[in-house]
Amino acid sequence: MTETRMDTRVEGRLAESRTGWVGWVMFAGIMMMVIGGLQAIYGLVAIFNDEWVVWGNGNAVLLDITAWGWIHLAIGVLVALAGIGVLSGNALARAVGVVVAAVSLLASFAALPLYPVWSLVVIGLDVLVIWALVAHGSELRHA
């Protein structure tokens, strides 16, 4: 995909016009809120019904399922809040977004034995979010 950016003069200073990559950053922010919701739901399910797992081999899971639930609930809230920050176009929020998306990815990978399909969906979304924030995060600031 080619990027077209036109530089124009606005009140004597150079201003950059919006590019097509802004949509990917908006996607990342919105998906972070969705991923946060998914992680929170996953956490609540594990907290309130720790017997409902797809596959529960006690040797493959290092923590109790309820403990994993609390971890995923906390990660979900952090990811959702970071997604709101990313939509603001703040550089610090983008950096925090990359970190919490990476933590979400690692937590979902660790929970693969418990909820394999759910974890794979969240891992895939986290990879897209990290790519959008790292590759094109600064585009939102110019929009």
N, C-alpha and C. Protein backbone atom coordinates (compact mmCIF):
# COMPACT_ATOMS: atom_id res chain seq x y z
N MET A 1 0.85 -1.16 0.00
CA MET A 1 0.00 0.00 0.00
C MET A 1 0.90 1.23 0.00
N THR A 2 0.60 2.12 -0.87
CA THR A 2 1.41 3.32 -0.95
C THR A 2 0.84 4.40 -0.06
N GLU A 3 1.71 5.19 0.46
CA GLU A 3 1.30 6.27 1.36
C GLU A 3 1.45 7.58 0.61
N THR A 4 0.38 8.34 0.61
CA THR A 4 0.46 9.66 -0.01
C THR A 4 0.25 10.70 1.06
N ARG A 5 1.18 11.58 1.17
CA ARG A 5 1.10 12.64 2.16
C ARG A 5 1.43 13.93 1.44
N MET A 6 0.58 14.88 1.61
CA MET A 6 0.79 16.17 0.96
C MET A 6 1.12 17.20 2.02
N ASP A 7 2.18 17.92 1.82
CA ASP A 7 2.55 18.99 2.73
C ASP A 7 1.93 20.29 2.24
N THR A 8 1.28 20.97 3.12
CA THR A 8 0.65 22.25 2.78
C THR A 8 1.06 23.29 3.80
N ARG A 9 0.96 24.54 3.41
CA ARG A 9 1.27 25.64 4.33
C ARG A 9 -0.03 26.11 4.97
N VAL A 10 -0.02 26.13 6.30
CA VAL A 10 -1.16 26.63 7.04
C VAL A 10 -0.64 27.71 7.96
N GLU A 11 -1.06 28.93 7.73
CA GLU A 11 -0.67 30.09 8.52
C GLU A 11 0.85 30.18 8.66
N GLY A 12 1.57 30.00 7.57
CA GLY A 12 3.01 30.18 7.56
C GLY A 12 3.82 29.00 8.08
N ARG A 13 3.17 27.91 8.48
CA ARG A 13 3.92 26.76 8.94
C ARG A 13 3.55 25.54 8.11
N LEU A 14 4.40 24.57 8.10
CA LEU A 14 4.20 23.38 7.32
C LEU A 14 3.28 22.43 8.08
N ALA A 15 2.20 22.01 7.45
CA ALA A 15 1.26 21.09 8.07
C ALA A 15 1.14 19.85 7.19
N GLU A 16 1.05 18.70 7.84
CA GLU A 16 0.90 17.45 7.11
C GLU A 16 -0.56 17.07 7.05
N SER A 17 -0.98 16.57 5.90
CA SER A 17 -2.37 16.15 5.78
C SER A 17 -2.52 14.71 6.28
N ARG A 18 -3.72 14.30 6.45
CA ARG A 18 -4.06 12.99 6.97
C ARG A 18 -3.70 11.91 5.95
N THR A 19 -3.19 10.77 6.44
CA THR A 19 -2.88 9.66 5.57
C THR A 19 -3.86 8.51 5.85
N GLY A 20 -3.78 7.49 5.04
CA GLY A 20 -4.66 6.34 5.21
C GLY A 20 -4.34 5.50 6.43
N TRP A 21 -3.17 5.69 7.02
CA TRP A 21 -2.77 4.89 8.17
C TRP A 21 -3.48 5.30 9.46
N VAL A 22 -4.12 6.44 9.47
CA VAL A 22 -4.83 6.88 10.67
C VAL A 22 -5.91 5.86 11.04
N GLY A 23 -6.51 5.28 10.02
CA GLY A 23 -7.54 4.27 10.28
C GLY A 23 -7.00 3.07 11.04
N TRP A 24 -5.76 2.68 10.77
CA TRP A 24 -5.17 1.55 11.49
C TRP A 24 -4.93 1.89 12.95
N VAL A 25 -4.56 3.12 13.22
CA VAL A 25 -4.33 3.51 14.61
C VAL A 25 -5.67 3.61 15.35
N MET A 26 -6.68 4.13 14.67
CA MET A 26 -8.02 4.15 15.27
C MET A 26 -8.50 2.72 15.52
N PHE A 27 -8.24 1.83 14.56
CA PHE A 27 -8.56 0.42 14.72
C PHE A 27 -7.87 -0.13 15.97
N ALA A 28 -6.59 0.19 16.14
CA ALA A 28 -5.83 -0.31 17.29
C ALA A 28 -6.46 0.17 18.60
N GLY A 29 -6.82 1.45 18.67
CA GLY A 29 -7.42 1.97 19.90
C GLY A 29 -8.75 1.31 20.21
N ILE A 30 -9.58 1.15 19.19
CA ILE A 30 -10.89 0.51 19.40
C ILE A 30 -10.71 -0.97 19.74
N MET A 31 -9.79 -1.64 19.04
CA MET A 31 -9.57 -3.05 19.33
C MET A 31 -8.98 -3.25 20.72
N MET A 32 -8.21 -2.28 21.21
CA MET A 32 -7.70 -2.39 22.57
C MET A 32 -8.86 -2.37 23.57
N MET A 33 -9.86 -1.56 23.30
CA MET A 33 -11.03 -1.55 24.19
C MET A 33 -11.79 -2.87 24.08
N VAL A 34 -11.88 -3.43 22.88
CA VAL A 34 -12.55 -4.73 22.70
C VAL A 34 -11.74 -5.83 23.39
N ILE A 35 -10.42 -5.84 23.18
CA ILE A 35 -9.57 -6.85 23.81
C ILE A 35 -9.66 -6.74 25.33
N GLY A 36 -9.68 -5.51 25.83
CA GLY A 36 -9.84 -5.32 27.27
C GLY A 36 -11.15 -5.92 27.77
N GLY A 37 -12.21 -5.72 27.00
CA GLY A 37 -13.50 -6.32 27.36
C GLY A 37 -13.44 -7.84 27.31
N LEU A 38 -12.80 -8.39 26.28
CA LEU A 38 -12.67 -9.85 26.18
C LEU A 38 -11.86 -10.41 27.35
N GLN A 39 -10.76 -9.74 27.67
CA GLN A 39 -9.94 -10.20 28.80
C GLN A 39 -10.74 -10.11 30.11
N ALA A 40 -11.51 -9.05 30.26
CA ALA A 40 -12.31 -8.90 31.49
C ALA A 40 -13.38 -9.98 31.58
N ILE A 41 -14.04 -10.28 30.46
CA ILE A 41 -15.05 -11.35 30.46
C ILE A 41 -14.40 -12.69 30.77
N TYR A 42 -13.25 -12.93 30.14
CA TYR A 42 -12.50 -14.15 30.41
C TYR A 42 -12.16 -14.25 31.89
N GLY A 43 -11.73 -13.15 32.47
CA GLY A 43 -11.40 -13.13 33.89
C GLY A 43 -12.60 -13.39 34.77
N LEU A 44 -13.73 -12.77 34.44
CA LEU A 44 -14.94 -12.96 35.24
C LEU A 44 -15.44 -14.41 35.16
N VAL A 45 -15.37 -15.01 33.97
CA VAL A 45 -15.77 -16.41 33.83
C VAL A 45 -14.88 -17.30 34.70
N ALA A 46 -13.59 -17.05 34.67
CA ALA A 46 -12.66 -17.86 35.47
C ALA A 46 -12.84 -17.63 36.97
N ILE A 47 -13.21 -16.41 37.36
CA ILE A 47 -13.40 -16.11 38.78
C ILE A 47 -14.66 -16.78 39.32
N PHE A 48 -15.76 -16.64 38.58
CA PHE A 48 -17.05 -17.11 39.09
C PHE A 48 -17.36 -18.57 38.77
N ASN A 49 -16.69 -19.16 37.80
CA ASN A 49 -16.96 -20.54 37.44
C ASN A 49 -15.66 -21.20 37.02
N ASP A 50 -14.84 -21.52 37.99
CA ASP A 50 -13.51 -22.04 37.66
C ASP A 50 -13.53 -23.50 37.21
N GLU A 51 -14.68 -24.12 37.16
CA GLU A 51 -14.78 -25.48 36.64
C GLU A 51 -15.03 -25.49 35.14
N TRP A 52 -15.37 -24.35 34.56
CA TRP A 52 -15.71 -24.28 33.13
C TRP A 52 -14.46 -23.93 32.33
N VAL A 53 -13.77 -24.96 31.93
CA VAL A 53 -12.59 -24.79 31.10
C VAL A 53 -12.68 -25.80 29.96
N VAL A 54 -12.02 -25.50 28.86
CA VAL A 54 -12.02 -26.42 27.74
C VAL A 54 -11.16 -27.63 28.06
N TRP A 55 -10.00 -27.39 28.59
CA TRP A 55 -9.07 -28.46 28.95
C TRP A 55 -8.29 -28.02 30.16
N GLY A 56 -8.37 -28.76 31.21
CA GLY A 56 -7.70 -28.35 32.42
C GLY A 56 -6.75 -29.42 32.95
N ASN A 57 -5.57 -29.46 32.44
CA ASN A 57 -4.55 -30.36 32.94
C ASN A 57 -3.81 -29.63 34.05
N GLY A 58 -3.89 -30.13 35.24
CA GLY A 58 -3.30 -29.47 36.38
C GLY A 58 -1.80 -29.25 36.27
N ASN A 59 -1.12 -30.08 35.52
CA ASN A 59 0.32 -29.92 35.37
C ASN A 59 0.70 -28.81 34.39
N ALA A 60 -0.23 -28.43 33.51
CA ALA A 60 0.08 -27.43 32.50
C ALA A 60 -0.22 -26.01 32.97
N VAL A 61 -1.00 -25.86 34.03
CA VAL A 61 -1.41 -24.55 34.52
C VAL A 61 -0.69 -24.28 35.84
N LEU A 62 0.04 -23.18 35.89
CA LEU A 62 0.85 -22.90 37.07
C LEU A 62 0.06 -22.29 38.22
N LEU A 63 -1.07 -21.65 37.92
CA LEU A 63 -1.88 -21.01 38.96
C LEU A 63 -3.27 -21.61 38.95
N ASP A 64 -3.99 -21.37 40.03
CA ASP A 64 -5.39 -21.75 40.09
C ASP A 64 -6.16 -20.95 39.04
N ILE A 65 -7.22 -21.52 38.51
CA ILE A 65 -7.98 -20.84 37.46
C ILE A 65 -8.59 -19.54 37.98
N THR A 66 -8.97 -19.49 39.24
CA THR A 66 -9.48 -18.24 39.81
C THR A 66 -8.40 -17.17 39.83
N ALA A 67 -7.17 -17.55 40.13
CA ALA A 67 -6.06 -16.58 40.10
C ALA A 67 -5.85 -16.06 38.68
N TRP A 68 -5.92 -16.95 37.69
CA TRP A 68 -5.82 -16.50 36.29
C TRP A 68 -6.95 -15.53 35.97
N GLY A 69 -8.11 -15.77 36.54
CA GLY A 69 -9.24 -14.88 36.31
C GLY A 69 -8.96 -13.47 36.79
N TRP A 70 -8.40 -13.34 37.98
CA TRP A 70 -8.06 -12.01 38.51
C TRP A 70 -6.99 -11.34 37.67
N ILE A 71 -6.01 -12.13 37.21
CA ILE A 71 -4.96 -11.57 36.35
C ILE A 71 -5.56 -11.03 35.06
N HIS A 72 -6.42 -11.82 34.42
CA HIS A 72 -7.01 -11.39 33.15
C HIS A 72 -7.98 -10.22 33.34
N LEU A 73 -8.67 -10.18 34.46
CA LEU A 73 -9.56 -9.04 34.72
C LEU A 73 -8.74 -7.75 34.85
N ALA A 74 -7.63 -7.80 35.58
CA ALA A 74 -6.78 -6.62 35.74
C ALA A 74 -6.17 -6.20 34.40
N ILE A 75 -5.69 -7.17 33.63
CA ILE A 75 -5.12 -6.85 32.32
C ILE A 75 -6.19 -6.25 31.41
N GLY A 76 -7.38 -6.79 31.46
CA GLY A 76 -8.47 -6.27 30.63
C GLY A 76 -8.78 -4.82 30.92
N VAL A 77 -8.83 -4.47 32.17
CA VAL A 77 -9.09 -3.07 32.53
C VAL A 77 -7.96 -2.17 32.05
N LEU A 78 -6.71 -2.60 32.23
CA LEU A 78 -5.56 -1.80 31.78
C LEU A 78 -5.55 -1.63 30.27
N VAL A 79 -5.84 -2.70 29.53
CA VAL A 79 -5.83 -2.62 28.07
C VAL A 79 -6.94 -1.69 27.58
N ALA A 80 -8.11 -1.78 28.16
CA ALA A 80 -9.22 -0.91 27.76
C ALA A 80 -8.90 0.56 28.04
N LEU A 81 -8.34 0.85 29.20
CA LEU A 81 -7.96 2.23 29.51
C LEU A 81 -6.87 2.74 28.58
N ALA A 82 -5.90 1.88 28.26
CA ALA A 82 -4.85 2.27 27.32
C ALA A 82 -5.45 2.53 25.93
N GLY A 83 -6.45 1.76 25.54
CA GLY A 83 -7.12 1.99 24.26
C GLY A 83 -7.77 3.35 24.18
N ILE A 84 -8.36 3.78 25.27
CA ILE A 84 -8.95 5.12 25.32
C ILE A 84 -7.84 6.17 25.17
N GLY A 85 -6.71 5.93 25.82
CA GLY A 85 -5.58 6.85 25.70
C GLY A 85 -5.02 6.90 24.29
N VAL A 86 -4.97 5.76 23.61
CA VAL A 86 -4.45 5.71 22.24
C VAL A 86 -5.33 6.56 21.32
N LEU A 87 -6.61 6.54 21.53
CA LEU A 87 -7.52 7.33 20.69
C LEU A 87 -7.29 8.83 20.85
N SER A 88 -6.65 9.22 21.95
CA SER A 88 -6.36 10.64 22.15
C SER A 88 -5.17 11.10 21.32
N GLY A 89 -4.37 10.15 20.81
CA GLY A 89 -3.21 10.50 19.99
C GLY A 89 -1.96 10.78 20.80
N ASN A 90 -1.98 10.54 22.08
CA ASN A 90 -0.85 10.81 22.97
C ASN A 90 0.25 9.78 22.75
N ALA A 91 1.49 10.24 22.64
CA ALA A 91 2.63 9.33 22.41
C ALA A 91 2.85 8.41 23.61
N LEU A 92 2.70 8.92 24.82
CA LEU A 92 2.86 8.09 26.01
C LEU A 92 1.79 7.00 26.04
N ALA A 93 0.57 7.34 25.66
CA ALA A 93 -0.52 6.36 25.63
C ALA A 93 -0.22 5.26 24.62
N ARG A 94 0.41 5.62 23.49
CA ARG A 94 0.78 4.61 22.50
C ARG A 94 1.83 3.67 23.06
N ALA A 95 2.81 4.21 23.77
CA ALA A 95 3.85 3.37 24.37
C ALA A 95 3.25 2.44 25.42
N VAL A 96 2.39 2.98 26.26
CA VAL A 96 1.71 2.15 27.26
C VAL A 96 0.84 1.12 26.55
N GLY A 97 0.20 1.51 25.45
CA GLY A 97 -0.63 0.58 24.68
C GLY A 97 0.15 -0.61 24.15
N VAL A 98 1.35 -0.35 23.67
CA VAL A 98 2.19 -1.45 23.18
C VAL A 98 2.56 -2.38 24.33
N VAL A 99 2.91 -1.81 25.47
CA VAL A 99 3.31 -2.62 26.63
C VAL A 99 2.14 -3.47 27.12
N VAL A 100 0.98 -2.87 27.30
CA VAL A 100 -0.15 -3.65 27.83
C VAL A 100 -0.67 -4.65 26.81
N ALA A 101 -0.57 -4.34 25.52
CA ALA A 101 -0.96 -5.32 24.50
C ALA A 101 0.01 -6.50 24.52
N ALA A 102 1.29 -6.24 24.75
CA ALA A 102 2.27 -7.32 24.85
C ALA A 102 2.01 -8.17 26.10
N VAL A 103 1.67 -7.53 27.21
CA VAL A 103 1.35 -8.27 28.44
C VAL A 103 0.09 -9.10 28.22
N SER A 104 -0.90 -8.53 27.54
CA SER A 104 -2.12 -9.26 27.22
C SER A 104 -1.81 -10.48 26.34
N LEU A 105 -0.93 -10.29 25.37
CA LEU A 105 -0.53 -11.39 24.50
C LEU A 105 0.13 -12.51 25.30
N LEU A 106 1.05 -12.14 26.18
CA LEU A 106 1.74 -13.15 26.99
C LEU A 106 0.79 -13.87 27.95
N ALA A 107 -0.13 -13.14 28.54
CA ALA A 107 -1.09 -13.76 29.46
C ALA A 107 -2.02 -14.71 28.70
N SER A 108 -2.41 -14.32 27.51
CA SER A 108 -3.26 -15.20 26.70
C SER A 108 -2.50 -16.44 26.26
N PHE A 109 -1.21 -16.27 25.94
CA PHE A 109 -0.40 -17.43 25.58
C PHE A 109 -0.27 -18.39 26.76
N ALA A 110 -0.08 -17.85 27.96
CA ALA A 110 0.03 -18.70 29.15
C ALA A 110 -1.28 -19.40 29.46
N ALA A 111 -2.40 -18.83 29.04
CA ALA A 111 -3.72 -19.42 29.31
C ALA A 111 -4.20 -20.31 28.18
N LEU A 112 -3.37 -20.59 27.20
CA LEU A 112 -3.77 -21.46 26.09
C LEU A 112 -4.33 -22.82 26.53
N PRO A 113 -3.77 -23.47 27.55
CA PRO A 113 -4.34 -24.76 27.95
C PRO A 113 -5.76 -24.65 28.51
N LEU A 114 -6.14 -23.49 29.02
CA LEU A 114 -7.46 -23.33 29.62
C LEU A 114 -8.53 -23.01 28.58
N TYR A 115 -8.27 -22.02 27.75
CA TYR A 115 -9.22 -21.57 26.73
C TYR A 115 -8.48 -21.39 25.41
N PRO A 116 -8.25 -22.45 24.65
CA PRO A 116 -7.38 -22.33 23.48
C PRO A 116 -7.91 -21.40 22.39
N VAL A 117 -9.16 -21.52 22.02
CA VAL A 117 -9.70 -20.70 20.92
C VAL A 117 -9.75 -19.24 21.34
N TRP A 118 -10.26 -18.98 22.51
CA TRP A 118 -10.36 -17.62 23.02
C TRP A 118 -8.98 -16.98 23.09
N SER A 119 -8.02 -17.72 23.61
CA SER A 119 -6.66 -17.19 23.73
C SER A 119 -6.04 -16.90 22.37
N LEU A 120 -6.26 -17.76 21.39
CA LEU A 120 -5.71 -17.53 20.05
C LEU A 120 -6.33 -16.30 19.39
N VAL A 121 -7.61 -16.08 19.60
CA VAL A 121 -8.26 -14.88 19.05
C VAL A 121 -7.64 -13.62 19.67
N VAL A 122 -7.49 -13.61 20.98
CA VAL A 122 -6.92 -12.44 21.65
C VAL A 122 -5.46 -12.24 21.24
N ILE A 123 -4.70 -13.31 21.08
CA ILE A 123 -3.31 -13.20 20.65
C ILE A 123 -3.24 -12.56 19.26
N GLY A 124 -4.08 -13.02 18.35
CA GLY A 124 -4.10 -12.44 17.00
C GLY A 124 -4.45 -10.96 17.01
N LEU A 125 -5.43 -10.58 17.80
CA LEU A 125 -5.81 -9.17 17.89
C LEU A 125 -4.69 -8.35 18.52
N ASP A 126 -4.04 -8.89 19.53
CA ASP A 126 -2.92 -8.17 20.17
C ASP A 126 -1.78 -7.93 19.19
N VAL A 127 -1.49 -8.91 18.34
CA VAL A 127 -0.43 -8.73 17.34
C VAL A 127 -0.79 -7.60 16.38
N LEU A 128 -2.03 -7.55 15.92
CA LEU A 128 -2.46 -6.46 15.03
C LEU A 128 -2.37 -5.10 15.72
N VAL A 129 -2.76 -5.05 16.97
CA VAL A 129 -2.71 -3.79 17.72
C VAL A 129 -1.27 -3.32 17.87
N ILE A 130 -0.38 -4.22 18.25
CA ILE A 130 1.03 -3.84 18.42
C ILE A 130 1.60 -3.35 17.10
N TRP A 131 1.29 -4.05 16.01
CA TRP A 131 1.79 -3.62 14.70
C TRP A 131 1.28 -2.22 14.35
N ALA A 132 -0.01 -1.98 14.53
CA ALA A 132 -0.57 -0.68 14.17
C ALA A 132 0.03 0.44 15.02
N LEU A 133 0.23 0.20 16.30
CA LEU A 133 0.77 1.24 17.17
C LEU A 133 2.24 1.52 16.91
N VAL A 134 3.00 0.48 16.64
CA VAL A 134 4.43 0.66 16.42
C VAL A 134 4.70 1.24 15.03
N ALA A 135 4.04 0.71 14.02
CA ALA A 135 4.33 1.12 12.65
C ALA A 135 3.71 2.47 12.29
N HIS A 136 2.52 2.77 12.82
CA HIS A 136 1.79 3.94 12.35
C HIS A 136 1.17 4.75 13.48
N GLY A 137 1.68 4.60 14.69
CA GLY A 137 1.11 5.30 15.83
C GLY A 137 1.15 6.80 15.74
N SER A 138 2.19 7.34 15.14
CA SER A 138 2.32 8.80 15.08
C SER A 138 1.35 9.44 14.09
N GLU A 139 0.74 8.65 13.23
CA GLU A 139 -0.18 9.20 12.23
C GLU A 139 -1.40 9.84 12.88
N LEU A 140 -1.86 9.31 14.00
CA LEU A 140 -3.06 9.84 14.65
C LEU A 140 -2.82 11.25 15.19
N ARG A 141 -1.60 11.53 15.58
CA ARG A 141 -1.27 12.85 16.12
C ARG A 141 -1.44 13.92 15.06
N HIS A 142 -1.19 13.57 13.78
CA HIS A 142 -1.28 14.55 12.70
C HIS A 142 -2.68 14.71 12.15
N ALA A 143 -3.60 13.82 12.57
CA ALA A 143 -4.96 13.87 12.01
C ALA A 143 -5.78 14.95 12.66
